[in-house]
Amino acid sequence: MSKFLLPIAIGFVALLPHAGKAQDASFYDCQNDRIPIAIASMPLDKALAKFTSVTRCPVSIDTDRIRGRSTRSMKTARIKGRLTPEQALVRMLRNTPLNGRMIHGGFSVSN
């Protein structure tokens, strides 16, 4: 492929529907300021994805520490209000055996 067409091809691939699933590092801007947050009760994986989308704070799950627990069956609590991301995550996880903690630039979830 010519040097001219390669950037165009890469740009086209970036527009494909599946390319937007993972967030680019420039998306994240985790600030612990109060913001309006409304996230319904839902399965943990979907709730954490919604949390990241709303707050722009990445969340990692410490799989070594939650080994043996099915996170797919865990439902989070509904949250709504003007909250910091940290407050929102703590409230969201209150119906689960998990805890969230702030780490550099985001949050970690473990038990």
N, C-alpha and C. Protein backbone atom coordinates (compact mmCIF):
# COMPACT_ATOMS: atom_id res chain seq x y z
N MET A 1 0.86 -1.17 0.00
CA MET A 1 0.00 0.00 0.00
C MET A 1 0.91 1.23 0.00
N SER A 2 0.54 2.21 -0.74
CA SER A 2 1.39 3.40 -0.83
C SER A 2 1.37 4.17 0.48
N LYS A 3 2.39 5.00 0.67
CA LYS A 3 2.48 5.80 1.90
C LYS A 3 1.31 6.76 2.01
N PHE A 4 0.73 7.15 0.89
CA PHE A 4 -0.40 8.08 0.89
C PHE A 4 -1.69 7.38 1.34
N LEU A 5 -1.91 6.16 0.90
CA LEU A 5 -3.16 5.46 1.20
C LEU A 5 -3.20 4.87 2.60
N LEU A 6 -2.04 4.58 3.18
CA LEU A 6 -2.02 3.96 4.50
C LEU A 6 -2.71 4.82 5.56
N PRO A 7 -2.40 6.13 5.67
CA PRO A 7 -3.12 6.94 6.68
C PRO A 7 -4.62 7.01 6.43
N ILE A 8 -5.03 7.00 5.18
CA ILE A 8 -6.46 7.03 4.86
C ILE A 8 -7.11 5.72 5.31
N ALA A 9 -6.46 4.60 5.06
CA ALA A 9 -6.99 3.29 5.46
C ALA A 9 -7.08 3.20 6.98
N ILE A 10 -6.06 3.70 7.67
CA ILE A 10 -6.08 3.67 9.14
C ILE A 10 -7.21 4.56 9.65
N GLY A 11 -7.40 5.72 9.05
CA GLY A 11 -8.48 6.61 9.44
C GLY A 11 -9.84 5.99 9.22
N PHE A 12 -10.01 5.24 8.13
CA PHE A 12 -11.27 4.58 7.85
C PHE A 12 -11.55 3.50 8.88
N VAL A 13 -10.53 2.72 9.24
CA VAL A 13 -10.71 1.66 10.24
C VAL A 13 -11.14 2.27 11.57
N ALA A 14 -10.64 3.43 11.91
CA ALA A 14 -11.01 4.09 13.17
C ALA A 14 -12.49 4.46 13.20
N LEU A 15 -13.12 4.57 12.05
CA LEU A 15 -14.54 4.93 11.99
C LEU A 15 -15.46 3.72 12.08
N LEU A 16 -14.91 2.52 12.03
CA LEU A 16 -15.73 1.32 12.10
C LEU A 16 -16.41 1.22 13.46
N PRO A 17 -17.58 0.60 13.53
CA PRO A 17 -18.34 0.55 14.78
C PRO A 17 -17.59 -0.07 15.95
N HIS A 18 -16.79 -1.08 15.71
CA HIS A 18 -16.12 -1.77 16.81
C HIS A 18 -14.90 -1.00 17.30
N ALA A 19 -14.43 -0.07 16.54
CA ALA A 19 -13.22 0.66 16.93
C ALA A 19 -13.46 1.54 18.15
N GLY A 20 -14.68 1.93 18.42
CA GLY A 20 -14.97 2.82 19.54
C GLY A 20 -15.17 2.11 20.87
N LYS A 21 -15.10 0.79 20.91
CA LYS A 21 -15.36 0.05 22.13
C LYS A 21 -14.33 0.36 23.22
N ALA A 22 -13.06 0.38 22.88
CA ALA A 22 -12.02 0.71 23.85
C ALA A 22 -11.76 2.21 23.77
N GLN A 23 -11.60 2.82 24.92
CA GLN A 23 -11.40 4.26 24.94
C GLN A 23 -9.93 4.60 24.73
N ASP A 24 -9.69 5.61 23.94
CA ASP A 24 -8.36 6.15 23.75
C ASP A 24 -7.95 6.84 25.05
N ALA A 25 -6.66 6.84 25.35
CA ALA A 25 -6.17 7.44 26.59
C ALA A 25 -6.59 8.90 26.73
N SER A 26 -6.76 9.60 25.62
CA SER A 26 -7.14 11.01 25.69
C SER A 26 -8.58 11.19 26.19
N PHE A 27 -9.39 10.13 26.18
CA PHE A 27 -10.77 10.21 26.68
C PHE A 27 -10.78 10.42 28.19
N TYR A 28 -9.85 9.77 28.89
CA TYR A 28 -9.85 9.79 30.34
C TYR A 28 -9.37 11.13 30.89
N ASP A 29 -10.14 11.68 31.78
CA ASP A 29 -9.80 12.93 32.46
C ASP A 29 -10.46 12.87 33.83
N CYS A 30 -9.99 11.95 34.64
CA CYS A 30 -10.63 11.66 35.92
C CYS A 30 -10.36 12.78 36.93
N GLN A 31 -11.39 13.52 37.22
CA GLN A 31 -11.33 14.58 38.23
C GLN A 31 -12.29 14.19 39.35
N ASN A 32 -11.90 14.43 40.58
CA ASN A 32 -12.79 14.05 41.68
C ASN A 32 -13.65 15.23 42.12
N ASP A 33 -14.26 15.89 41.12
CA ASP A 33 -15.19 16.99 41.36
C ASP A 33 -16.62 16.46 41.30
N ARG A 34 -17.52 17.14 41.97
CA ARG A 34 -18.94 16.75 41.92
C ARG A 34 -19.49 17.02 40.52
N ILE A 35 -20.15 16.01 39.98
CA ILE A 35 -20.79 16.12 38.68
C ILE A 35 -22.16 15.44 38.75
N PRO A 36 -23.09 15.80 37.88
CA PRO A 36 -24.38 15.10 37.87
C PRO A 36 -24.19 13.68 37.34
N ILE A 37 -24.61 12.71 38.14
CA ILE A 37 -24.46 11.30 37.76
C ILE A 37 -25.79 10.59 37.98
N ALA A 38 -26.21 9.82 36.99
CA ALA A 38 -27.41 9.00 37.10
C ALA A 38 -27.12 7.68 36.40
N ILE A 39 -26.99 6.61 37.19
CA ILE A 39 -26.73 5.28 36.63
C ILE A 39 -27.71 4.31 37.28
N ALA A 40 -28.49 3.64 36.46
CA ALA A 40 -29.48 2.67 36.96
C ALA A 40 -28.78 1.45 37.54
N SER A 41 -29.52 0.69 38.33
CA SER A 41 -29.02 -0.60 38.81
C SER A 41 -28.89 -1.53 37.61
N MET A 42 -27.75 -2.19 37.50
CA MET A 42 -27.50 -3.08 36.36
C MET A 42 -26.36 -4.02 36.70
N PRO A 43 -26.09 -5.02 35.84
CA PRO A 43 -24.96 -5.91 36.09
C PRO A 43 -23.65 -5.12 36.20
N LEU A 44 -22.75 -5.61 37.04
CA LEU A 44 -21.52 -4.91 37.36
C LEU A 44 -20.73 -4.46 36.14
N ASP A 45 -20.53 -5.34 35.17
CA ASP A 45 -19.70 -4.97 34.01
C ASP A 45 -20.30 -3.80 33.24
N LYS A 46 -21.61 -3.81 33.07
CA LYS A 46 -22.27 -2.70 32.35
C LYS A 46 -22.25 -1.42 33.18
N ALA A 47 -22.43 -1.56 34.49
CA ALA A 47 -22.43 -0.39 35.36
C ALA A 47 -21.06 0.28 35.38
N LEU A 48 -19.99 -0.51 35.41
CA LEU A 48 -18.65 0.07 35.41
C LEU A 48 -18.34 0.76 34.08
N ALA A 49 -18.82 0.18 32.99
CA ALA A 49 -18.63 0.83 31.68
C ALA A 49 -19.39 2.15 31.64
N LYS A 50 -20.61 2.17 32.16
CA LYS A 50 -21.40 3.40 32.20
C LYS A 50 -20.73 4.43 33.11
N PHE A 51 -20.23 3.97 34.25
CA PHE A 51 -19.53 4.85 35.19
C PHE A 51 -18.34 5.52 34.50
N THR A 52 -17.56 4.74 33.77
CA THR A 52 -16.40 5.29 33.05
C THR A 52 -16.85 6.29 32.00
N SER A 53 -17.91 5.98 31.30
CA SER A 53 -18.42 6.88 30.26
C SER A 53 -18.88 8.22 30.85
N VAL A 54 -19.57 8.17 31.98
CA VAL A 54 -20.12 9.38 32.60
C VAL A 54 -19.03 10.20 33.29
N THR A 55 -18.14 9.54 34.02
CA THR A 55 -17.15 10.25 34.84
C THR A 55 -15.82 10.49 34.15
N ARG A 56 -15.57 9.74 33.07
CA ARG A 56 -14.28 9.77 32.36
C ARG A 56 -13.15 9.24 33.25
N CYS A 57 -13.51 8.38 34.20
CA CYS A 57 -12.55 7.75 35.11
C CYS A 57 -12.45 6.27 34.77
N PRO A 58 -11.25 5.79 34.42
CA PRO A 58 -11.11 4.36 34.15
C PRO A 58 -11.24 3.55 35.44
N VAL A 59 -11.77 2.34 35.32
CA VAL A 59 -11.92 1.44 36.46
C VAL A 59 -11.29 0.11 36.09
N SER A 60 -10.42 -0.39 36.95
CA SER A 60 -9.85 -1.72 36.74
C SER A 60 -10.38 -2.64 37.83
N ILE A 61 -10.55 -3.92 37.48
CA ILE A 61 -11.00 -4.91 38.45
C ILE A 61 -9.81 -5.79 38.79
N ASP A 62 -9.50 -5.90 40.08
CA ASP A 62 -8.39 -6.72 40.55
C ASP A 62 -8.85 -8.18 40.56
N THR A 63 -8.66 -8.86 39.44
CA THR A 63 -9.17 -10.23 39.29
C THR A 63 -8.52 -11.22 40.25
N ASP A 64 -7.28 -10.97 40.66
CA ASP A 64 -6.63 -11.87 41.63
C ASP A 64 -7.34 -11.82 42.98
N ARG A 65 -7.84 -10.67 43.35
CA ARG A 65 -8.47 -10.51 44.66
C ARG A 65 -9.93 -10.92 44.67
N ILE A 66 -10.57 -11.01 43.50
CA ILE A 66 -11.98 -11.43 43.49
C ILE A 66 -12.16 -12.81 42.86
N ARG A 67 -11.06 -13.55 42.75
CA ARG A 67 -11.10 -14.89 42.18
C ARG A 67 -12.16 -15.74 42.90
N GLY A 68 -12.92 -16.49 42.13
CA GLY A 68 -13.94 -17.35 42.69
C GLY A 68 -15.30 -16.69 42.85
N ARG A 69 -15.39 -15.42 42.56
CA ARG A 69 -16.68 -14.72 42.66
C ARG A 69 -17.16 -14.38 41.25
N SER A 70 -18.41 -14.61 41.00
CA SER A 70 -18.98 -14.31 39.69
C SER A 70 -19.42 -12.85 39.66
N THR A 71 -18.68 -12.03 38.93
CA THR A 71 -19.05 -10.62 38.84
C THR A 71 -20.20 -10.40 37.86
N ARG A 72 -20.47 -11.38 37.01
CA ARG A 72 -21.57 -11.25 36.04
C ARG A 72 -22.93 -11.23 36.73
N SER A 73 -23.03 -11.91 37.86
CA SER A 73 -24.32 -11.97 38.55
C SER A 73 -24.49 -10.83 39.56
N MET A 74 -23.46 -10.04 39.78
CA MET A 74 -23.55 -8.93 40.73
C MET A 74 -24.29 -7.76 40.10
N LYS A 75 -25.27 -7.24 40.84
CA LYS A 75 -26.00 -6.04 40.39
C LYS A 75 -25.60 -4.88 41.28
N THR A 76 -25.39 -3.76 40.65
CA THR A 76 -25.01 -2.55 41.38
C THR A 76 -26.23 -1.79 41.85
N ALA A 77 -26.02 -0.91 42.79
CA ALA A 77 -27.09 -0.04 43.28
C ALA A 77 -27.29 1.12 42.31
N ARG A 78 -28.50 1.62 42.24
CA ARG A 78 -28.81 2.81 41.43
C ARG A 78 -28.19 4.02 42.12
N ILE A 79 -27.59 4.90 41.32
CA ILE A 79 -27.05 6.14 41.88
C ILE A 79 -27.57 7.32 41.08
N LYS A 80 -27.84 8.38 41.80
CA LYS A 80 -28.31 9.60 41.14
C LYS A 80 -28.01 10.78 42.04
N GLY A 81 -27.47 11.81 41.46
CA GLY A 81 -27.20 13.01 42.23
C GLY A 81 -25.96 13.72 41.73
N ARG A 82 -25.60 14.75 42.44
CA ARG A 82 -24.38 15.50 42.14
C ARG A 82 -23.31 14.94 43.08
N LEU A 83 -22.48 14.06 42.54
CA LEU A 83 -21.52 13.30 43.34
C LEU A 83 -20.12 13.39 42.75
N THR A 84 -19.13 13.13 43.59
CA THR A 84 -17.78 12.93 43.06
C THR A 84 -17.75 11.52 42.49
N PRO A 85 -16.86 11.23 41.56
CA PRO A 85 -16.76 9.85 41.06
C PRO A 85 -16.50 8.85 42.19
N GLU A 86 -15.70 9.23 43.17
CA GLU A 86 -15.43 8.32 44.28
C GLU A 86 -16.70 8.02 45.07
N GLN A 87 -17.49 9.04 45.38
CA GLN A 87 -18.77 8.82 46.08
C GLN A 87 -19.69 7.94 45.25
N ALA A 88 -19.75 8.21 43.97
CA ALA A 88 -20.62 7.44 43.08
C ALA A 88 -20.23 5.97 43.05
N LEU A 89 -18.94 5.69 42.94
CA LEU A 89 -18.49 4.30 42.88
C LEU A 89 -18.78 3.57 44.19
N VAL A 90 -18.52 4.22 45.32
CA VAL A 90 -18.80 3.61 46.62
C VAL A 90 -20.29 3.27 46.74
N ARG A 91 -21.15 4.21 46.37
CA ARG A 91 -22.60 3.97 46.45
C ARG A 91 -23.05 2.89 45.46
N MET A 92 -22.46 2.89 44.29
CA MET A 92 -22.83 1.92 43.26
C MET A 92 -22.49 0.49 43.70
N LEU A 93 -21.40 0.33 44.43
CA LEU A 93 -20.95 -1.00 44.84
C LEU A 93 -21.53 -1.47 46.17
N ARG A 94 -22.37 -0.67 46.82
CA ARG A 94 -22.83 -1.01 48.16
C ARG A 94 -23.64 -2.31 48.23
N ASN A 95 -24.25 -2.75 47.13
CA ASN A 95 -25.02 -4.01 47.11
C ASN A 95 -24.15 -5.21 46.75
N THR A 96 -22.86 -4.99 46.56
CA THR A 96 -21.95 -6.07 46.17
C THR A 96 -20.93 -6.28 47.29
N PRO A 97 -20.19 -7.39 47.24
CA PRO A 97 -19.13 -7.60 48.23
C PRO A 97 -17.83 -6.87 47.85
N LEU A 98 -17.91 -6.00 46.87
CA LEU A 98 -16.71 -5.33 46.35
C LEU A 98 -16.56 -3.92 46.90
N ASN A 99 -15.33 -3.44 46.83
CA ASN A 99 -15.00 -2.08 47.25
C ASN A 99 -14.24 -1.39 46.14
N GLY A 100 -14.44 -0.10 46.02
CA GLY A 100 -13.68 0.69 45.06
C GLY A 100 -12.69 1.56 45.79
N ARG A 101 -11.53 1.73 45.21
CA ARG A 101 -10.55 2.64 45.80
C ARG A 101 -9.91 3.46 44.70
N MET A 102 -9.58 4.67 45.06
CA MET A 102 -8.97 5.58 44.10
C MET A 102 -7.51 5.19 43.91
N ILE A 103 -7.10 5.12 42.66
CA ILE A 103 -5.69 4.93 42.32
C ILE A 103 -5.32 6.08 41.38
N HIS A 104 -4.08 6.20 41.07
CA HIS A 104 -3.63 7.31 40.22
C HIS A 104 -4.41 7.34 38.91
N GLY A 105 -5.21 8.36 38.72
CA GLY A 105 -5.92 8.56 37.46
C GLY A 105 -7.18 7.74 37.27
N GLY A 106 -7.66 7.06 38.30
CA GLY A 106 -8.86 6.25 38.15
C GLY A 106 -9.19 5.49 39.42
N PHE A 107 -9.80 4.31 39.24
CA PHE A 107 -10.24 3.52 40.38
C PHE A 107 -9.92 2.05 40.16
N SER A 108 -9.80 1.33 41.28
CA SER A 108 -9.61 -0.12 41.27
C SER A 108 -10.74 -0.73 42.10
N VAL A 109 -11.29 -1.84 41.62
CA VAL A 109 -12.36 -2.54 42.33
C VAL A 109 -11.83 -3.91 42.75
N SER A 110 -12.00 -4.23 44.03
CA SER A 110 -11.61 -5.54 44.56
C SER A 110 -12.49 -5.84 45.76
N ASN A 111 -12.25 -6.99 46.40
CA ASN A 111 -13.07 -7.29 47.58
C ASN A 111 -12.28 -7.07 48.84
